[in-house]
Amino acid sequence: MPVLSDTQIRELVHIEPFASNEKRPGVVSYGVSSYGYDVRVGTKFKVFTNATSGGTAIVDPKNFTNDLFLSIDTALTGRDYIVIPPNSFALAETVEEIRVPRDILAICVGKSTYARCGIIVNVTPLEPEWRGKVTIEISNTTPLPAKIYANEGIAQMIFLKADRVCATSYADKKGKYQDQAGLTLPMVDGLDSPELLTCVGAGVA
C-alpha cells in the first residue's frame, strides 16, 4: 500500500478547506505535508465528566449518555482553547470535511506537539468511501489540566492507496458514522442511535 505524497493528496482526496503547510507563528501546525495532512480541531468540544453522576456512573459503549459531558464552543466563549481535566478526555471534530476515495484508506496519528505533553489523540481509520467531519477523541493522560487550542493542528492523516479496489466500501455497507454532522456518541448496530451533541457556550473553562 503506497503512501500518498502531498501532490497525490491534493489530486485524489477531497479535503475542505484545504490548507498549505506554511509556517504560522504561535500556531500548532496544520495543512498538507510531504506524505500526510495535518487536520485542525474545530471549536466545539464535549468534555467528559462524572460530576453530574456523583461518581457512580458506568461508562457503557452500548449506552453512552450525553449526561457525562460538559459542552463548550470556543466561538461563543471568546477564548481560543478549552481545558481538559486531569485523566479525562474530550470529543471534538475536525475543521476539515474529508471524502476518502474507494481505493484509499486513511489512518490518523497524534501530533508530536501534544503527545510530548501527555495529550493523546485517537481516531479510527477512515475506510474507503467514508465521508464527513472526523470525530476525534483527545485524552489528557497527565495529573494536571491540559489546554487544547481550537482551529489549530491536532492530528496527521496518512493516506494509503491499495493495489486493488475493495469489494465493499464504507458507503456500500451504509456505515453508521457516514456523513456525521456534529459530535456523535458511540453507536452499535441494532441499538438506538444517540442524538447529536449540541454544544453551548458554557460549562467548561
Protein backbone atom coordinates (compact mmCIF):
# COMPACT_ATOMS: atom_id res chain seq x y z
CA MET A 1 0.00 0.00 0.00
CA PRO A 2 1.89 3.09 -1.19
CA VAL A 3 1.64 6.26 0.91
CA LEU A 4 0.22 9.29 -0.91
CA SER A 5 2.52 12.27 -1.37
CA ASP A 6 1.45 15.89 -0.99
CA THR A 7 0.78 16.14 -4.73
CA GLN A 8 -1.35 12.97 -4.73
CA ILE A 9 -3.31 14.09 -1.67
CA ARG A 10 -4.23 17.30 -3.48
CA GLU A 11 -5.29 15.34 -6.56
CA LEU A 12 -7.07 12.33 -5.06
CA VAL A 13 -8.52 13.20 -1.65
CA HIS A 14 -11.29 15.73 -1.07
CA ILE A 15 -10.31 17.88 1.93
CA GLU A 16 -12.26 21.07 2.53
CA PRO A 17 -10.95 23.55 3.49
CA PHE A 18 -7.52 22.55 2.14
CA ALA A 19 -4.51 24.35 3.62
CA SER A 20 -0.85 24.56 2.71
CA ASN A 21 1.72 23.67 5.36
CA GLU A 22 3.20 27.14 5.66
CA LYS A 23 4.70 28.22 8.96
CA ARG A 24 2.24 30.08 11.18
CA PRO A 25 4.00 31.65 14.19
CA GLY A 26 2.45 30.72 17.54
CA VAL A 27 0.08 28.16 15.98
CA VAL A 28 0.13 24.36 16.23
CA SER A 29 0.91 23.43 12.62
CA TYR A 30 -1.68 22.17 10.15
CA GLY A 31 -2.12 21.60 6.42
CA VAL A 32 -0.60 19.33 3.80
CA SER A 33 2.86 17.88 4.44
CA SER A 34 5.22 15.70 2.41
CA TYR A 35 3.26 12.48 2.98
CA GLY A 36 0.23 13.45 5.03
CA TYR A 37 -2.25 16.12 6.03
CA ASP A 38 -2.44 17.72 9.48
CA VAL A 39 -6.08 18.38 10.37
CA ARG A 40 -7.35 21.07 12.72
CA VAL A 41 -9.66 20.63 15.67
CA GLY A 42 -12.82 22.73 15.49
CA THR A 43 -14.42 24.98 18.09
CA LYS A 44 -16.98 22.55 19.53
CA PHE A 45 -15.97 20.18 22.31
CA LYS A 46 -17.58 17.68 24.66
CA VAL A 47 -15.53 17.23 27.83
CA PHE A 48 -16.05 14.05 29.84
CA THR A 49 -17.03 14.48 33.49
CA ASN A 50 -18.68 12.42 36.21
CA ALA A 51 -19.68 15.50 38.20
CA THR A 52 -23.37 15.13 37.35
CA SER A 53 -23.47 11.45 38.31
CA GLY A 54 -21.90 11.76 41.73
CA GLY A 55 -19.11 9.47 40.60
CA THR A 56 -21.42 6.46 40.35
CA ALA A 57 -21.95 6.24 36.57
CA ILE A 58 -20.55 3.37 34.49
CA VAL A 59 -19.16 4.01 31.02
CA ASP A 60 -21.07 1.73 28.65
CA PRO A 61 -20.18 1.88 24.91
CA LYS A 62 -23.61 0.40 24.13
CA ASN A 63 -25.47 3.02 26.16
CA PHE A 64 -23.28 6.09 26.37
CA THR A 65 -25.14 9.13 27.64
CA ASN A 66 -24.75 12.81 26.86
CA ASP A 67 -25.16 13.47 30.59
CA LEU A 68 -21.50 12.54 31.09
CA PHE A 69 -20.32 15.53 29.05
CA LEU A 70 -19.96 19.25 29.52
CA SER A 71 -20.26 21.26 26.31
CA ILE A 72 -18.27 24.22 25.08
CA ASP A 73 -17.97 26.15 21.85
CA THR A 74 -14.95 28.45 21.82
CA ALA A 75 -16.61 30.52 19.10
CA LEU A 76 -19.13 31.58 21.75
CA THR A 77 -16.83 31.94 24.76
CA GLY A 78 -14.34 34.27 23.12
CA ARG A 79 -11.41 32.04 24.09
CA ASP A 80 -9.30 30.04 21.66
CA TYR A 81 -8.90 26.95 23.85
CA ILE A 82 -10.62 24.53 26.20
CA VAL A 83 -9.21 22.77 29.25
CA ILE A 84 -9.43 19.00 29.71
CA PRO A 85 -9.34 17.97 33.39
CA PRO A 86 -6.63 15.60 34.65
CA ASN A 87 -7.01 12.00 33.43
CA SER A 88 -10.09 12.88 31.40
CA PHE A 89 -10.87 13.26 27.71
CA ALA A 90 -12.83 15.32 25.22
CA LEU A 91 -14.63 14.65 21.97
CA ALA A 92 -14.24 17.12 19.13
CA GLU A 93 -14.48 17.24 15.36
CA THR A 94 -12.16 18.39 12.63
CA VAL A 95 -12.50 21.69 10.83
CA GLU A 96 -12.00 19.77 7.61
CA GLU A 97 -14.53 17.63 5.80
CA ILE A 98 -12.86 14.60 4.21
CA ARG A 99 -14.05 12.25 1.47
CA VAL A 100 -11.96 9.11 1.10
CA PRO A 101 -11.76 7.51 -2.39
CA ARG A 102 -12.75 3.86 -2.83
CA ASP A 103 -9.15 2.62 -3.18
CA ILE A 104 -7.68 4.61 -0.28
CA LEU A 105 -7.52 4.06 3.50
CA ALA A 106 -6.64 6.87 5.91
CA ILE A 107 -5.00 6.35 9.29
CA CYS A 108 -4.51 9.01 11.94
CA VAL A 109 -1.66 9.73 14.34
CA GLY A 110 -1.49 12.41 17.01
CA LYS A 111 0.76 15.43 16.65
CA SER A 112 4.07 15.35 18.48
CA THR A 113 3.43 18.81 19.95
CA TYR A 114 0.57 17.42 22.03
CA ALA A 115 1.99 13.91 22.55
CA ARG A 116 5.06 15.37 24.26
CA CYS A 117 2.69 16.96 26.77
CA GLY A 118 0.92 13.68 27.54
CA ILE A 119 -2.07 14.51 25.33
CA ILE A 120 -3.07 11.60 23.10
CA VAL A 121 -5.35 11.72 20.05
CA ASN A 122 -7.27 8.68 18.81
CA VAL A 123 -9.21 8.27 15.57
CA THR A 124 -10.41 5.05 13.94
CA PRO A 125 -9.06 4.55 10.39
CA LEU A 126 -11.15 6.26 7.72
CA GLU A 127 -12.39 3.48 5.46
CA PRO A 128 -12.77 3.67 1.66
CA GLU A 129 -15.65 5.98 0.66
CA TRP A 130 -16.10 7.32 4.18
CA ARG A 131 -17.04 10.99 4.19
CA GLY A 132 -17.71 13.70 6.75
CA LYS A 133 -16.02 15.63 9.51
CA VAL A 134 -13.90 13.37 11.71
CA THR A 135 -14.88 12.90 15.36
CA ILE A 136 -11.70 12.73 17.41
CA GLU A 137 -11.02 11.67 20.98
CA ILE A 138 -8.42 13.69 22.89
CA SER A 139 -7.10 12.17 26.14
CA ASN A 140 -5.29 14.06 28.86
CA THR A 141 -3.13 11.36 30.44
CA THR A 142 -1.47 13.76 32.88
CA PRO A 143 -2.43 14.57 36.50
CA LEU A 144 -2.79 18.24 35.51
CA PRO A 145 -5.34 20.20 33.45
CA ALA A 146 -4.42 20.44 29.75
CA LYS A 147 -5.19 23.08 27.11
CA ILE A 148 -6.39 22.22 23.61
CA TYR A 149 -6.33 25.04 21.06
CA ALA A 150 -9.30 25.37 18.70
CA ASN A 151 -8.74 25.91 14.97
CA GLU A 152 -5.15 24.64 15.22
CA GLY A 153 -3.46 21.36 14.30
CA ILE A 154 -4.43 18.26 16.28
CA ALA A 155 -3.51 15.14 14.25
CA GLN A 156 -1.99 13.93 10.99
CA MET A 157 -3.82 11.85 8.40
CA ILE A 158 -1.77 9.36 6.36
CA PHE A 159 -3.39 8.12 3.15
CA LEU A 160 -2.62 4.61 1.85
CA LYS A 161 -3.53 3.62 -1.72
CA ALA A 162 -4.46 -0.03 -2.27
CA ASP A 163 -3.23 -2.13 -5.18
CA ARG A 164 -6.81 -3.23 -5.84
CA VAL A 165 -10.17 -1.60 -5.21
CA CYS A 166 -12.09 -3.09 -2.27
CA ALA A 167 -15.18 -5.22 -2.92
CA THR A 168 -17.21 -3.44 -0.23
CA SER A 169 -16.68 0.16 0.83
CA TYR A 170 -17.93 2.04 3.89
CA ALA A 171 -20.62 3.60 1.71
CA ASP A 172 -21.68 0.19 0.37
CA LYS A 173 -22.30 -1.17 3.85
CA LYS A 174 -24.04 2.05 4.93
CA GLY A 175 -21.66 2.66 7.81
CA LYS A 176 -23.27 4.21 10.86
CA TYR A 177 -20.89 7.17 11.02
CA GLN A 178 -21.30 8.17 7.37
CA ASP A 179 -21.97 11.90 6.82
CA GLN A 180 -21.93 12.55 10.55
CA ALA A 181 -22.62 16.22 11.22
CA GLY A 182 -21.73 17.31 14.72
CA LEU A 183 -20.19 15.34 17.55
CA THR A 184 -21.59 11.81 17.54
CA LEU A 185 -21.68 9.47 20.53
CA PRO A 186 -20.73 5.78 20.17
CA MET A 187 -23.21 3.68 18.20
CA VAL A 188 -23.68 -0.09 17.98
CA ASP A 189 -25.60 -1.66 15.10
CA GLY A 190 -29.08 -2.78 16.15
CA LEU A 191 -29.33 -0.38 19.09
CA ASP A 192 -30.94 3.05 19.20
CA SER A 193 -28.68 5.75 17.78
CA PRO A 194 -27.69 8.59 20.13
CA GLU A 195 -28.68 12.12 19.35
CA LEU A 196 -26.09 14.52 18.06
CA LEU A 197 -24.49 16.51 20.83
CA THR A 198 -25.41 20.19 20.77
CA CYS A 199 -22.72 22.47 22.10
CA VAL A 200 -23.37 25.60 24.13
CA GLY A 201 -21.01 28.33 25.13
CA ALA A 202 -20.78 27.38 28.78
CA GLY A 203 -19.91 24.55 31.08
CA VAL A 204 -16.15 24.16 30.90
CA ALA A 205 -13.23 26.50 31.28
